[in-house]
Amino acid sequence: MLFQLPWDDELFPRAGQLELFDAFGSATKELHAFAGGHQETPEHAPAAWLAFLGRHLA
C-alpha cells in the first residue's frame, strides 16, 4: 500500500492522515510525505508511484 501525504494539506489534518496510515495492516505499506497542500503533487511523485507498483506487481 502506498500512502501519499501532503504535509500542509488544508483539507485533511496531518494527525488524522498519520492515524489512518497507522491503521492499515499491510506489511508492505509505504508513506510518501511531501511539502505542499492538498492539490500540490510534486513532479517526482508519479515516478515513485510507478516504482512502488513495479516492486509489488512484478
C-alpha atoms as a PDB file:
ATOM      1  CA  MET A   1       0.000   0.000   0.000  1.00  0.00           C
ATOM      2  CA  LEU A   2       1.323   3.421  -0.951  1.00  0.00           C
ATOM      3  CA  PHE A   3       0.074   6.390   1.037  1.00  0.00           C
ATOM      4  CA  GLN A   4       0.807   9.902  -0.186  1.00  0.00           C
ATOM      5  CA  LEU A   5       0.757  12.628   2.466  1.00  0.00           C
ATOM      6  CA  PRO A   6       0.805  16.312   1.562  1.00  0.00           C
ATOM      7  CA  TRP A   7       2.412  17.768   4.684  1.00  0.00           C
ATOM      8  CA  ASP A   8       0.421  21.013   4.617  1.00  0.00           C
ATOM      9  CA  ASP A   9      -2.925  19.576   3.475  1.00  0.00           C
ATOM     10  CA  GLU A  10      -5.629  22.170   4.072  1.00  0.00           C
ATOM     11  CA  LEU A  11      -8.482  19.628   3.828  1.00  0.00           C
ATOM     12  CA  PHE A  12      -7.244  16.712   5.927  1.00  0.00           C
ATOM     13  CA  PRO A  13      -5.244  17.353   9.110  1.00  0.00           C
ATOM     14  CA  ARG A  14      -1.838  15.659   9.220  1.00  0.00           C
ATOM     15  CA  ALA A  15      -2.552  13.884  12.515  1.00  0.00           C
ATOM     16  CA  GLY A  16      -5.623  12.188  11.062  1.00  0.00           C
ATOM     17  CA  GLN A  17      -3.757  11.116   7.950  1.00  0.00           C
ATOM     18  CA  LEU A  18      -0.967   9.602  10.043  1.00  0.00           C
ATOM     19  CA  GLU A  19      -3.556   7.824  12.185  1.00  0.00           C
ATOM     20  CA  LEU A  20      -5.163   6.393   9.046  1.00  0.00           C
ATOM     21  CA  PHE A  21      -1.798   5.204   7.748  1.00  0.00           C
ATOM     22  CA  ASP A  22      -1.057   3.519  11.083  1.00  0.00           C
ATOM     23  CA  ALA A  23      -4.431   1.757  10.957  1.00  0.00           C
ATOM     24  CA  PHE A  24      -3.622  -0.062   7.707  1.00  0.00           C
ATOM     25  CA  GLY A  25      -2.345  -3.537   8.477  1.00  0.00           C
ATOM     26  CA  SER A  26      -0.243  -4.050   5.363  1.00  0.00           C
ATOM     27  CA  ALA A  27       3.302  -5.286   5.915  1.00  0.00           C
ATOM     28  CA  THR A  28       4.394  -3.529   2.719  1.00  0.00           C
ATOM     29  CA  LYS A  29       2.902  -0.105   3.307  1.00  0.00           C
ATOM     30  CA  GLU A  30       4.895   2.996   2.434  1.00  0.00           C
ATOM     31  CA  LEU A  31       4.318   6.605   3.389  1.00  0.00           C
ATOM     32  CA  HIS A  32       5.451   9.281   0.946  1.00  0.00           C
ATOM     33  CA  ALA A  33       5.206  12.728   2.536  1.00  0.00           C
ATOM     34  CA  PHE A  34       5.934  15.930   0.675  1.00  0.00           C
ATOM     35  CA  ALA A  35       5.746  19.643   1.309  1.00  0.00           C
ATOM     36  CA  GLY A  36       2.660  21.345  -0.027  1.00  0.00           C
ATOM     37  CA  GLY A  37      -1.081  21.369   0.086  1.00  0.00           C
ATOM     38  CA  HIS A  38      -3.896  19.068  -0.970  1.00  0.00           C
ATOM     39  CA  GLN A  39      -3.795  19.960  -4.663  1.00  0.00           C
ATOM     40  CA  GLU A  40       0.010  20.041  -4.939  1.00  0.00           C
ATOM     41  CA  THR A  41       1.713  16.913  -6.240  1.00  0.00           C
ATOM     42  CA  PRO A  42       5.480  17.115  -6.697  1.00  0.00           C
ATOM     43  CA  GLU A  43       6.925  16.307 -10.107  1.00  0.00           C
ATOM     44  CA  HIS A  44       8.722  13.218  -8.774  1.00  0.00           C
ATOM     45  CA  ALA A  45       5.561  11.633  -7.292  1.00  0.00           C
ATOM     46  CA  PRO A  46       4.383   9.724 -10.406  1.00  0.00           C
ATOM     47  CA  ALA A  47       7.796   8.067 -10.719  1.00  0.00           C
ATOM     48  CA  ALA A  48       7.559   6.987  -7.067  1.00  0.00           C
ATOM     49  CA  TRP A  49       4.087   5.529  -7.683  1.00  0.00           C
ATOM     50  CA  LEU A  50       5.308   3.578 -10.707  1.00  0.00           C
ATOM     51  CA  ALA A  51       8.336   2.296  -8.806  1.00  0.00           C
ATOM     52  CA  PHE A  52       6.089   1.108  -5.970  1.00  0.00           C
ATOM     53  CA  LEU A  53       3.811  -0.693  -8.417  1.00  0.00           C
ATOM     54  CA  GLY A  54       6.783  -2.210 -10.204  1.00  0.00           C
ATOM     55  CA  ARG A  55       8.119  -3.642  -6.933  1.00  0.00           C
ATOM     56  CA  HIS A  56       4.779  -5.097  -5.871  1.00  0.00           C
ATOM     57  CA  LEU A  57       3.217  -6.255  -9.122  1.00  0.00           C
ATOM     58  CA  ALA A  58       6.256  -7.901 -10.684  1.00  0.00           C
END
